[in-house]
Structure formats: structure tokens, C-alpha cells
């Protein structure tokens, strides 16, 4: 055994300092030159729409929005560059006139400074990334007061959650009276001719510049009771919810979208 060890120790060892051989081939073989990305002009400050965005609310009117129920002009109040949910009629949701598939969305929302109520009855609303029917049909990112986790509620119903499906990774909500932002990349589901799911919906959400949903896969549309499900659609509006709780209504401003389906 000693002889064998001695013999092995006399064998030439690999030079650990030896450099790896340079790869063979021509570097330009892996260079892609076309198509050249289109040039757009970004907003001068964070949150301002880039040059290719569709502005859904610029602070002046709700011409880009209609009532979900009957497609009449949206009746929510516009004042001081913001608009506020009209909760005088239960289920008075509004949605965009234009339908979308894949897109990038920016939206800002504010819980009233003197908000009352608790749990899901405290500044509740919802951003539906695809409104697939009347009422609350579609895929919802929750809006509710969860500042500093002081308002106790279920985590998959907190701000930044995919309602009743996925809780946010963290809670970066600002206190009532301050503006929050959502920046969202939405990839719509696709369907086969028979209505079966071809590809599922996926979404990425930045909440006040913090990643809270990282390219997550949805199990289907939002439902209040039961399990999520998919139903076939081609394109859909973006919807904002007039929640039926008695708390003071929330407000929105600076909403724009970039259509990524083209």
C-alpha cells in the first residue's frame, strides 16, 4: 500500500494555473443585428407615460372609461387631477373602452387619509387586469389599506395580492393619504379552439417600485368563493372596482398602458 501511494504521488499533477483553451469559431456568428428595437421617448420623470403609451387618465376626464354594467359614460367624480370611486350605486364598476391582451400598465391610487373600517371593509377596491364580463368577472390585483400591517386581513386579499390566489412577497404600502403605484406586466392567457387553456395568464407586479409578484402563473379568474377557473376570451378591458363596503372611496390618477400584443 505504501508503495502504491508513493507511486501515485510521483505522477505528474495537472497544472491548476493552466488557462482554458479559447473557444473556437467567429464571434459575429452569434451577433444579432435585426430587427432593430423601435425608439421611444421615456417619460421625463418616473411614472410619466412614454411616447408609445395609451393614456387612460391624464387628470382631466374619463373619456377612456365606461360603466361596466351598461357601457354608458363613466360617472366617477373627476376633480383636482384625480378621480374618485362613485360608491353611490352598488357595483358601479368602470372599465376602459379599449380591450387589451398583453400590456404594461402604470396606475396610481390613494386610500383616504381619514379612512374608517377594518379588514376588507377599509379602502377596498380592485384593479382587474382583464374584465371578462359584468360585475367582478376577471383577474384582480387587490387594492385595500394594509399600511404597516395594521389593518388585519387575509394575506391573499391584501394590497398587491392576486386576490384569493397569491399573497404579495412583501408589503410596501404607503400610509392613508399618500399615493401608491402599481407597475404591472400582464401576459394574457390563450386558448385552443375548444376553449381549453393553451397558455396560462402570468403577471409581474411592482408595488411602489418593489417587486411583489414575480412573473407568477394564475390558476384562473378571480373568484370570491371556490377555486379559480379559466374561460375563453380574446381580449378584454381593464376594470376598476366600486367595492360595496361602507368605507370612504379611494382615488386614482396617472394611468397609462403600453400595448405589447402588437
C-alpha atoms as a PDB file:
ATOM      1  CA  UNK A   1       0.000   0.000   0.000  1.00  0.00           C
ATOM      2  CA  UNK A   2       2.811   2.401   0.854  1.00  0.00           C
ATOM      3  CA  UNK A   3       4.487   1.694  -2.461  1.00  0.00           C
ATOM      4  CA  UNK A   4       1.243   2.371  -4.347  1.00  0.00           C
ATOM      5  CA  UNK A   5       0.749   5.674  -2.576  1.00  0.00           C
ATOM      6  CA  UNK A   6       4.344   6.626  -3.246  1.00  0.00           C
ATOM      7  CA  UNK A   7       3.942   5.733  -6.918  1.00  0.00           C
ATOM      8  CA  UNK A   8       0.769   7.791  -7.242  1.00  0.00           C
ATOM      9  CA  UNK A   9       2.420  10.764  -5.610  1.00  0.00           C
ATOM     10  CA  UNK A  10       5.162  10.660  -8.250  1.00  0.00           C
ATOM     11  CA  UNK A  11       2.691  11.043 -11.125  1.00  0.00           C
ATOM     12  CA  UNK A  12       2.622  14.449 -12.818  1.00  0.00           C
ATOM     13  CA  UNK A  13      -0.290  16.546 -11.483  1.00  0.00           C
ATOM     14  CA  UNK A  14      -2.497  18.807 -13.606  1.00  0.00           C
ATOM     15  CA  UNK A  15      -1.401  22.401 -13.728  1.00  0.00           C
ATOM     16  CA  UNK A  16      -4.240  24.225 -11.982  1.00  0.00           C
ATOM     17  CA  UNK A  17      -2.985  27.519 -13.348  1.00  0.00           C
ATOM     18  CA  UNK A  18      -3.435  26.377 -16.933  1.00  0.00           C
ATOM     19  CA  UNK A  19      -5.924  28.602 -18.763  1.00  0.00           C
ATOM     20  CA  UNK A  20      -8.891  27.162 -20.585  1.00  0.00           C
ATOM     21  CA  UNK A  21      -8.483  26.992 -24.329  1.00  0.00           C
ATOM     22  CA  UNK A  22     -10.044  29.885 -26.191  1.00  0.00           C
ATOM     23  CA  UNK A  23     -13.359  28.926 -27.838  1.00  0.00           C
ATOM     24  CA  UNK A  24     -13.181  28.192 -31.492  1.00  0.00           C
ATOM     25  CA  UNK A  25     -15.314  29.993 -34.014  1.00  0.00           C
ATOM     26  CA  UNK A  26     -16.144  33.512 -35.115  1.00  0.00           C
ATOM     27  CA  UNK A  27     -17.729  35.971 -32.587  1.00  0.00           C
ATOM     28  CA  UNK A  28     -20.007  37.584 -35.235  1.00  0.00           C
ATOM     29  CA  UNK A  29     -21.692  34.201 -35.699  1.00  0.00           C
ATOM     30  CA  UNK A  30     -23.686  34.883 -32.504  1.00  0.00           C
ATOM     31  CA  UNK A  31     -24.400  38.574 -33.138  1.00  0.00           C
ATOM     32  CA  UNK A  32     -27.985  39.548 -33.986  1.00  0.00           C
ATOM     33  CA  UNK A  33     -28.457  42.852 -35.814  1.00  0.00           C
ATOM     34  CA  UNK A  34     -32.083  42.815 -36.966  1.00  0.00           C
ATOM     35  CA  UNK A  35     -34.744  43.832 -36.219  1.00  0.00           C
ATOM     36  CA  UNK A  36     -33.521  46.986 -34.528  1.00  0.00           C
ATOM     37  CA  UNK A  37     -35.728  47.889 -31.493  1.00  0.00           C
ATOM     38  CA  UNK A  38     -38.043  50.816 -32.138  1.00  0.00           C
ATOM     39  CA  UNK A  39     -37.037  54.073 -30.494  1.00  0.00           C
ATOM     40  CA  UNK A  40     -39.466  55.532 -27.944  1.00  0.00           C
ATOM     41  CA  UNK A  41     -39.078  58.515 -25.645  1.00  0.00           C
ATOM     42  CA  UNK A  42     -39.382  57.701 -21.943  1.00  0.00           C
ATOM     43  CA  UNK A  43     -41.271  59.960 -19.564  1.00  0.00           C
ATOM     44  CA  UNK A  44     -39.058  62.708 -18.155  1.00  0.00           C
ATOM     45  CA  UNK A  45     -39.794  61.595 -14.599  1.00  0.00           C
ATOM     46  CA  UNK A  46     -40.811  58.299 -13.008  1.00  0.00           C
ATOM     47  CA  UNK A  47     -44.442  57.469 -13.658  1.00  0.00           C
ATOM     48  CA  UNK A  48     -44.901  59.697 -16.677  1.00  0.00           C
ATOM     49  CA  UNK A  49     -46.027  57.892 -19.851  1.00  0.00           C
ATOM     50  CA  UNK A  50     -43.512  57.048 -22.574  1.00  0.00           C
ATOM     51  CA  UNK A  51     -44.195  58.142 -26.118  1.00  0.00           C
ATOM     52  CA  UNK A  52     -45.880  54.883 -27.184  1.00  0.00           C
ATOM     53  CA  UNK A  53     -48.325  54.703 -24.256  1.00  0.00           C
ATOM     54  CA  UNK A  54     -52.095  54.999 -24.373  1.00  0.00           C
ATOM     55  CA  UNK A  55     -53.028  57.494 -21.670  1.00  0.00           C
ATOM     56  CA  UNK A  56     -56.110  56.227 -19.852  1.00  0.00           C
ATOM     57  CA  UNK A  57     -56.352  59.154 -17.439  1.00  0.00           C
ATOM     58  CA  UNK A  58     -54.458  62.428 -17.725  1.00  0.00           C
ATOM     59  CA  UNK A  59     -56.184  64.266 -14.891  1.00  0.00           C
ATOM     60  CA  UNK A  60     -58.923  65.934 -16.924  1.00  0.00           C
ATOM     61  CA  UNK A  61     -61.686  63.477 -17.856  1.00  0.00           C
ATOM     62  CA  UNK A  62     -62.835  59.857 -18.048  1.00  0.00           C
ATOM     63  CA  UNK A  63     -63.358  59.718 -21.802  1.00  0.00           C
ATOM     64  CA  UNK A  64     -61.380  56.465 -21.982  1.00  0.00           C
ATOM     65  CA  UNK A  65     -63.741  54.769 -19.483  1.00  0.00           C
ATOM     66  CA  UNK A  66     -67.313  53.453 -19.449  1.00  0.00           C
ATOM     67  CA  UNK A  67     -69.650  51.792 -16.981  1.00  0.00           C
ATOM     68  CA  UNK A  68     -69.052  48.034 -16.889  1.00  0.00           C
ATOM     69  CA  UNK A  69     -72.764  47.398 -16.457  1.00  0.00           C
ATOM     70  CA  UNK A  70     -74.217  49.187 -19.491  1.00  0.00           C
ATOM     71  CA  UNK A  71     -71.219  50.833 -21.258  1.00  0.00           C
ATOM     72  CA  UNK A  72     -72.589  54.326 -20.534  1.00  0.00           C
ATOM     73  CA  UNK A  73     -70.072  57.123 -19.775  1.00  0.00           C
ATOM     74  CA  UNK A  74     -68.192  56.568 -16.525  1.00  0.00           C
ATOM     75  CA  UNK A  75     -69.771  58.599 -13.723  1.00  0.00           C
ATOM     76  CA  UNK A  76     -66.941  58.687 -11.174  1.00  0.00           C
ATOM     77  CA  UNK A  77     -66.002  62.179  -9.951  1.00  0.00           C
ATOM     78  CA  UNK A  78     -63.014  63.969 -11.511  1.00  0.00           C
ATOM     79  CA  UNK A  79     -61.549  66.830  -9.508  1.00  0.00           C
ATOM     80  CA  UNK A  80     -58.089  68.270  -8.948  1.00  0.00           C
ATOM     81  CA  UNK A  81     -56.377  65.940 -11.394  1.00  0.00           C
ATOM     82  CA  UNK A  82     -57.684  62.760  -9.771  1.00  0.00           C
ATOM     83  CA  UNK A  83     -60.869  60.713  -9.931  1.00  0.00           C
ATOM     84  CA  UNK A  84     -62.701  59.059  -7.084  1.00  0.00           C
ATOM     85  CA  UNK A  85     -64.808  55.906  -6.936  1.00  0.00           C
ATOM     86  CA  UNK A  86     -68.561  56.527  -7.047  1.00  0.00           C
ATOM     87  CA  UNK A  87     -69.994  54.184  -4.420  1.00  0.00           C
ATOM     88  CA  UNK A  88     -73.499  55.660  -4.524  1.00  0.00           C
ATOM     89  CA  UNK A  89     -74.598  52.718  -6.674  1.00  0.00           C
ATOM     90  CA  UNK A  90     -73.514  49.229  -5.652  1.00  0.00           C
ATOM     91  CA  UNK A  91     -71.305  47.526  -8.215  1.00  0.00           C
ATOM     92  CA  UNK A  92     -70.713  50.754 -10.151  1.00  0.00           C
ATOM     93  CA  UNK A  93     -67.519  49.437 -11.740  1.00  0.00           C
ATOM     94  CA  UNK A  94     -65.886  51.171 -14.685  1.00  0.00           C
ATOM     95  CA  UNK A  95     -63.673  49.772 -17.446  1.00  0.00           C
ATOM     96  CA  UNK A  96     -61.662  51.001 -20.397  1.00  0.00           C
ATOM     97  CA  UNK A  97     -63.323  51.467 -23.773  1.00  0.00           C
ATOM     98  CA  UNK A  98     -60.370  49.718 -25.363  1.00  0.00           C
ATOM     99  CA  UNK A  99     -59.721  45.997 -24.953  1.00  0.00           C
ATOM    100  CA  UNK A 100     -56.212  44.594 -24.495  1.00  0.00           C
ATOM    101  CA  UNK A 101     -54.270  41.338 -24.488  1.00  0.00           C
ATOM    102  CA  UNK A 102     -50.652  41.673 -23.258  1.00  0.00           C
ATOM    103  CA  UNK A 103     -49.599  45.027 -21.843  1.00  0.00           C
ATOM    104  CA  UNK A 104     -47.568  47.139 -19.419  1.00  0.00           C
ATOM    105  CA  UNK A 105     -49.680  49.236 -17.042  1.00  0.00           C
ATOM    106  CA  UNK A 106     -48.955  52.125 -14.689  1.00  0.00           C
ATOM    107  CA  UNK A 107     -51.597  53.248 -12.200  1.00  0.00           C
ATOM    108  CA  UNK A 108     -51.562  55.326  -9.019  1.00  0.00           C
ATOM    109  CA  UNK A 109     -54.087  55.016  -6.188  1.00  0.00           C
ATOM    110  CA  UNK A 110     -54.701  56.578  -2.774  1.00  0.00           C
ATOM    111  CA  UNK A 111     -56.526  55.431   0.335  1.00  0.00           C
ATOM    112  CA  UNK A 112     -58.268  58.418   2.023  1.00  0.00           C
ATOM    113  CA  UNK A 113     -56.274  59.875   4.911  1.00  0.00           C
ATOM    114  CA  UNK A 114     -59.218  59.520   7.293  1.00  0.00           C
ATOM    115  CA  UNK A 115     -60.200  56.018   6.249  1.00  0.00           C
ATOM    116  CA  UNK A 116     -62.512  54.026   8.511  1.00  0.00           C
ATOM    117  CA  UNK A 117     -63.493  50.379   8.712  1.00  0.00           C
ATOM    118  CA  UNK A 118     -61.388  47.278   9.099  1.00  0.00           C
ATOM    119  CA  UNK A 119     -60.302  44.206   7.171  1.00  0.00           C
ATOM    120  CA  UNK A 120     -61.698  44.030   3.657  1.00  0.00           C
ATOM    121  CA  UNK A 121     -64.037  46.922   4.518  1.00  0.00           C
ATOM    122  CA  UNK A 122     -61.246  49.507   4.690  1.00  0.00           C
ATOM    123  CA  UNK A 123     -60.420  51.275   1.420  1.00  0.00           C
ATOM    124  CA  UNK A 124     -61.256  48.262  -0.711  1.00  0.00           C
ATOM    125  CA  UNK A 125     -61.198  48.397  -4.495  1.00  0.00           C
ATOM    126  CA  UNK A 126     -59.723  46.224  -7.193  1.00  0.00           C
ATOM    127  CA  UNK A 127     -57.751  46.514 -10.414  1.00  0.00           C
ATOM    128  CA  UNK A 128     -58.975  43.900 -12.891  1.00  0.00           C
ATOM    129  CA  UNK A 129     -56.263  43.214 -15.444  1.00  0.00           C
ATOM    130  CA  UNK A 130     -58.828  41.671 -17.777  1.00  0.00           C
ATOM    131  CA  UNK A 131     -62.540  42.332 -17.340  1.00  0.00           C
ATOM    132  CA  UNK A 132     -64.108  39.215 -18.826  1.00  0.00           C
ATOM    133  CA  UNK A 133     -67.719  40.044 -18.010  1.00  0.00           C
ATOM    134  CA  UNK A 134     -70.045  42.073 -15.828  1.00  0.00           C
ATOM    135  CA  UNK A 135     -69.610  42.723 -12.123  1.00  0.00           C
ATOM    136  CA  UNK A 136     -66.295  41.457 -10.792  1.00  0.00           C
ATOM    137  CA  UNK A 137     -65.554  38.921 -13.520  1.00  0.00           C
ATOM    138  CA  UNK A 138     -61.889  38.828 -14.484  1.00  0.00           C
ATOM    139  CA  UNK A 139     -58.382  38.780 -12.991  1.00  0.00           C
ATOM    140  CA  UNK A 140     -57.911  41.046  -9.964  1.00  0.00           C
ATOM    141  CA  UNK A 141     -54.976  42.723  -8.267  1.00  0.00           C
ATOM    142  CA  UNK A 142     -56.276  43.758  -4.859  1.00  0.00           C
ATOM    143  CA  UNK A 143     -56.383  47.321  -3.549  1.00  0.00           C
ATOM    144  CA  UNK A 144     -57.050  47.810   0.181  1.00  0.00           C
ATOM    145  CA  UNK A 145     -55.442  49.572   3.145  1.00  0.00           C
ATOM    146  CA  UNK A 146     -52.678  47.353   4.525  1.00  0.00           C
ATOM    147  CA  UNK A 147     -50.246  50.053   5.665  1.00  0.00           C
ATOM    148  CA  UNK A 148     -47.727  48.648   8.163  1.00  0.00           C
ATOM    149  CA  UNK A 149     -49.911  45.526   8.530  1.00  0.00           C
ATOM    150  CA  UNK A 150     -52.086  47.478  10.958  1.00  0.00           C
ATOM    151  CA  UNK A 151     -55.324  46.540   9.200  1.00  0.00           C
ATOM    152  CA  UNK A 152     -55.624  42.796   9.718  1.00  0.00           C
ATOM    153  CA  UNK A 153     -56.926  40.731   6.812  1.00  0.00           C
ATOM    154  CA  UNK A 154     -56.086  37.530   4.940  1.00  0.00           C
ATOM    155  CA  UNK A 155     -52.771  37.851   3.126  1.00  0.00           C
ATOM    156  CA  UNK A 156     -54.066  36.717  -0.269  1.00  0.00           C
ATOM    157  CA  UNK A 157     -56.528  39.591  -0.013  1.00  0.00           C
ATOM    158  CA  UNK A 158     -54.002  42.278   0.939  1.00  0.00           C
ATOM    159  CA  UNK A 159     -52.762  45.104  -1.261  1.00  0.00           C
ATOM    160  CA  UNK A 160     -50.563  43.737  -4.045  1.00  0.00           C
ATOM    161  CA  UNK A 161     -52.107  40.271  -3.925  1.00  0.00           C
ATOM    162  CA  UNK A 162     -53.647  38.399  -6.829  1.00  0.00           C
ATOM    163  CA  UNK A 163     -56.930  38.219  -4.988  1.00  0.00           C
ATOM    164  CA  UNK A 164     -57.619  34.871  -3.307  1.00  0.00           C
ATOM    165  CA  UNK A 165     -54.688  33.310  -5.200  1.00  0.00           C
ATOM    166  CA  UNK A 166     -51.254  34.757  -4.399  1.00  0.00           C
ATOM    167  CA  UNK A 167     -50.108  36.927  -1.489  1.00  0.00           C
ATOM    168  CA  UNK A 168     -47.524  39.661  -2.225  1.00  0.00           C
ATOM    169  CA  UNK A 169     -43.888  38.865  -1.489  1.00  0.00           C
ATOM    170  CA  UNK A 170     -43.648  41.893   0.843  1.00  0.00           C
ATOM    171  CA  UNK A 171     -45.863  44.789   1.962  1.00  0.00           C
ATOM    172  CA  UNK A 172     -44.578  48.199   0.759  1.00  0.00           C
ATOM    173  CA  UNK A 173     -47.947  50.014   1.143  1.00  0.00           C
ATOM    174  CA  UNK A 174     -47.851  53.711   1.988  1.00  0.00           C
ATOM    175  CA  UNK A 175     -49.992  55.182   4.739  1.00  0.00           C
ATOM    176  CA  UNK A 176     -53.507  56.501   4.012  1.00  0.00           C
ATOM    177  CA  UNK A 177     -53.399  59.904   2.348  1.00  0.00           C
ATOM    178  CA  UNK A 178     -50.254  59.077   0.341  1.00  0.00           C
ATOM    179  CA  UNK A 179     -50.148  57.823  -3.252  1.00  0.00           C
ATOM    180  CA  UNK A 180     -49.292  54.217  -4.117  1.00  0.00           C
ATOM    181  CA  UNK A 181     -48.200  52.949  -7.520  1.00  0.00           C
ATOM    182  CA  UNK A 182     -48.629  49.697  -9.393  1.00  0.00           C
ATOM    183  CA  UNK A 183     -46.428  48.937 -12.393  1.00  0.00           C
ATOM    184  CA  UNK A 184     -47.623  45.737 -13.996  1.00  0.00           C
ATOM    185  CA  UNK A 185     -46.667  43.444 -16.871  1.00  0.00           C
ATOM    186  CA  UNK A 186     -49.676  41.334 -17.875  1.00  0.00           C
ATOM    187  CA  UNK A 187     -49.470  38.298 -20.154  1.00  0.00           C
ATOM    188  CA  UNK A 188     -52.982  37.234 -21.069  1.00  0.00           C
ATOM    189  CA  UNK A 189     -53.980  33.578 -21.232  1.00  0.00           C
ATOM    190  CA  UNK A 190     -54.512  31.975 -24.621  1.00  0.00           C
ATOM    191  CA  UNK A 191     -56.994  29.282 -25.542  1.00  0.00           C
ATOM    192  CA  UNK A 192     -57.458  26.466 -28.023  1.00  0.00           C
ATOM    193  CA  UNK A 193     -60.462  26.403 -30.364  1.00  0.00           C
ATOM    194  CA  UNK A 194     -62.351  24.129 -27.982  1.00  0.00           C
ATOM    195  CA  UNK A 195     -61.931  26.593 -25.121  1.00  0.00           C
ATOM    196  CA  UNK A 196     -59.221  24.656 -23.295  1.00  0.00           C
ATOM    197  CA  UNK A 197     -56.228  26.575 -21.956  1.00  0.00           C
ATOM    198  CA  UNK A 198     -53.279  26.831 -24.327  1.00  0.00           C
ATOM    199  CA  UNK A 199     -51.113  29.069 -22.117  1.00  0.00           C
ATOM    200  CA  UNK A 200     -51.939  30.368 -18.659  1.00  0.00           C
ATOM    201  CA  UNK A 201     -52.023  34.009 -17.549  1.00  0.00           C
ATOM    202  CA  UNK A 202     -48.872  35.422 -15.992  1.00  0.00           C
ATOM    203  CA  UNK A 203     -48.280  38.716 -14.203  1.00  0.00           C
ATOM    204  CA  UNK A 204     -45.459  40.728 -12.683  1.00  0.00           C
ATOM    205  CA  UNK A 205     -46.326  43.490 -10.191  1.00  0.00           C
ATOM    206  CA  UNK A 206     -44.142  46.263  -8.791  1.00  0.00           C
ATOM    207  CA  UNK A 207     -45.824  47.965  -5.827  1.00  0.00           C
ATOM    208  CA  UNK A 208     -44.237  51.353  -5.017  1.00  0.00           C
ATOM    209  CA  UNK A 209     -41.196  50.236  -7.060  1.00  0.00           C
ATOM    210  CA  UNK A 210     -40.922  46.994  -5.063  1.00  0.00           C
ATOM    211  CA  UNK A 211     -41.376  43.603  -6.737  1.00  0.00           C
ATOM    212  CA  UNK A 212     -44.308  41.819  -5.078  1.00  0.00           C
ATOM    213  CA  UNK A 213     -45.384  39.347  -7.817  1.00  0.00           C
ATOM    214  CA  UNK A 214     -42.555  37.834  -9.869  1.00  0.00           C
ATOM    215  CA  UNK A 215     -43.887  36.518 -13.193  1.00  0.00           C
ATOM    216  CA  UNK A 216     -46.433  34.414 -11.340  1.00  0.00           C
ATOM    217  CA  UNK A 217     -48.811  31.966 -13.005  1.00  0.00           C
ATOM    218  CA  UNK A 218     -52.527  32.327 -12.300  1.00  0.00           C
ATOM    219  CA  UNK A 219     -54.824  29.367 -11.769  1.00  0.00           C
ATOM    220  CA  UNK A 220     -57.692  31.146 -13.494  1.00  0.00           C
ATOM    221  CA  UNK A 221     -60.026  34.077 -12.996  1.00  0.00           C
ATOM    222  CA  UNK A 222     -60.618  35.660  -9.609  1.00  0.00           C
ATOM    223  CA  UNK A 223     -63.453  34.189  -7.567  1.00  0.00           C
ATOM    224  CA  UNK A 224     -64.654  35.177  -4.096  1.00  0.00           C
ATOM    225  CA  UNK A 225     -65.803  31.667  -3.183  1.00  0.00           C
ATOM    226  CA  UNK A 226     -64.330  28.446  -4.535  1.00  0.00           C
ATOM    227  CA  UNK A 227     -61.466  27.687  -6.898  1.00  0.00           C
ATOM    228  CA  UNK A 228     -60.209  29.840  -9.796  1.00  0.00           C
ATOM    229  CA  UNK A 229     -61.133  28.773 -13.310  1.00  0.00           C
ATOM    230  CA  UNK A 230     -60.410  29.789 -16.898  1.00  0.00           C
ATOM    231  CA  UNK A 231     -62.946  30.755 -19.528  1.00  0.00           C
ATOM    232  CA  UNK A 232     -62.067  31.616 -23.103  1.00  0.00           C
ATOM    233  CA  UNK A 233     -61.771  35.239 -24.233  1.00  0.00           C
ATOM    234  CA  UNK A 234     -59.780  37.048 -26.895  1.00  0.00           C
ATOM    235  CA  UNK A 235     -59.128  40.498 -25.420  1.00  0.00           C
ATOM    236  CA  UNK A 236     -60.622  42.419 -22.528  1.00  0.00           C
ATOM    237  CA  UNK A 237     -60.852  45.889 -20.967  1.00  0.00           C
ATOM    238  CA  UNK A 238     -59.093  46.950 -17.778  1.00  0.00           C
ATOM    239  CA  UNK A 239     -61.580  47.412 -14.924  1.00  0.00           C
ATOM    240  CA  UNK A 240     -61.692  49.359 -11.652  1.00  0.00           C
ATOM    241  CA  UNK A 241     -63.981  48.204  -8.876  1.00  0.00           C
ATOM    242  CA  UNK A 242     -66.527  50.165  -6.858  1.00  0.00           C
ATOM    243  CA  UNK A 243     -66.477  47.889  -3.840  1.00  0.00           C
ATOM    244  CA  UNK A 244     -69.636  47.638  -1.755  1.00  0.00           C
ATOM    245  CA  UNK A 245     -68.086  48.232   1.669  1.00  0.00           C
ATOM    246  CA  UNK A 246     -69.107  51.418   3.563  1.00  0.00           C
ATOM    247  CA  UNK A 247     -65.612  52.919   3.924  1.00  0.00           C
ATOM    248  CA  UNK A 248     -64.625  56.178   2.271  1.00  0.00           C
ATOM    249  CA  UNK A 249     -63.972  55.842  -1.507  1.00  0.00           C
ATOM    250  CA  UNK A 250     -60.421  55.717  -2.852  1.00  0.00           C
ATOM    251  CA  UNK A 251     -58.951  57.808  -5.673  1.00  0.00           C
ATOM    252  CA  UNK A 252     -56.838  57.231  -8.797  1.00  0.00           C
ATOM    253  CA  UNK A 253     -54.562  59.273 -11.045  1.00  0.00           C
ATOM    254  CA  UNK A 254     -51.931  58.978 -13.812  1.00  0.00           C
ATOM    255  CA  UNK A 255     -52.981  55.808 -15.627  1.00  0.00           C
ATOM    256  CA  UNK A 256     -51.374  54.654 -18.852  1.00  0.00           C
ATOM    257  CA  UNK A 257     -50.840  51.423 -20.729  1.00  0.00           C
ATOM    258  CA  UNK A 258     -48.436  50.098 -23.387  1.00  0.00           C
ATOM    259  CA  UNK A 259     -49.979  47.509 -25.654  1.00  0.00           C
ATOM    260  CA  UNK A 260     -47.499  44.618 -26.033  1.00  0.00           C
ATOM    261  CA  UNK A 261     -49.670  42.475 -28.290  1.00  0.00           C
ATOM    262  CA  UNK A 262     -48.840  44.298 -31.496  1.00  0.00           C
END
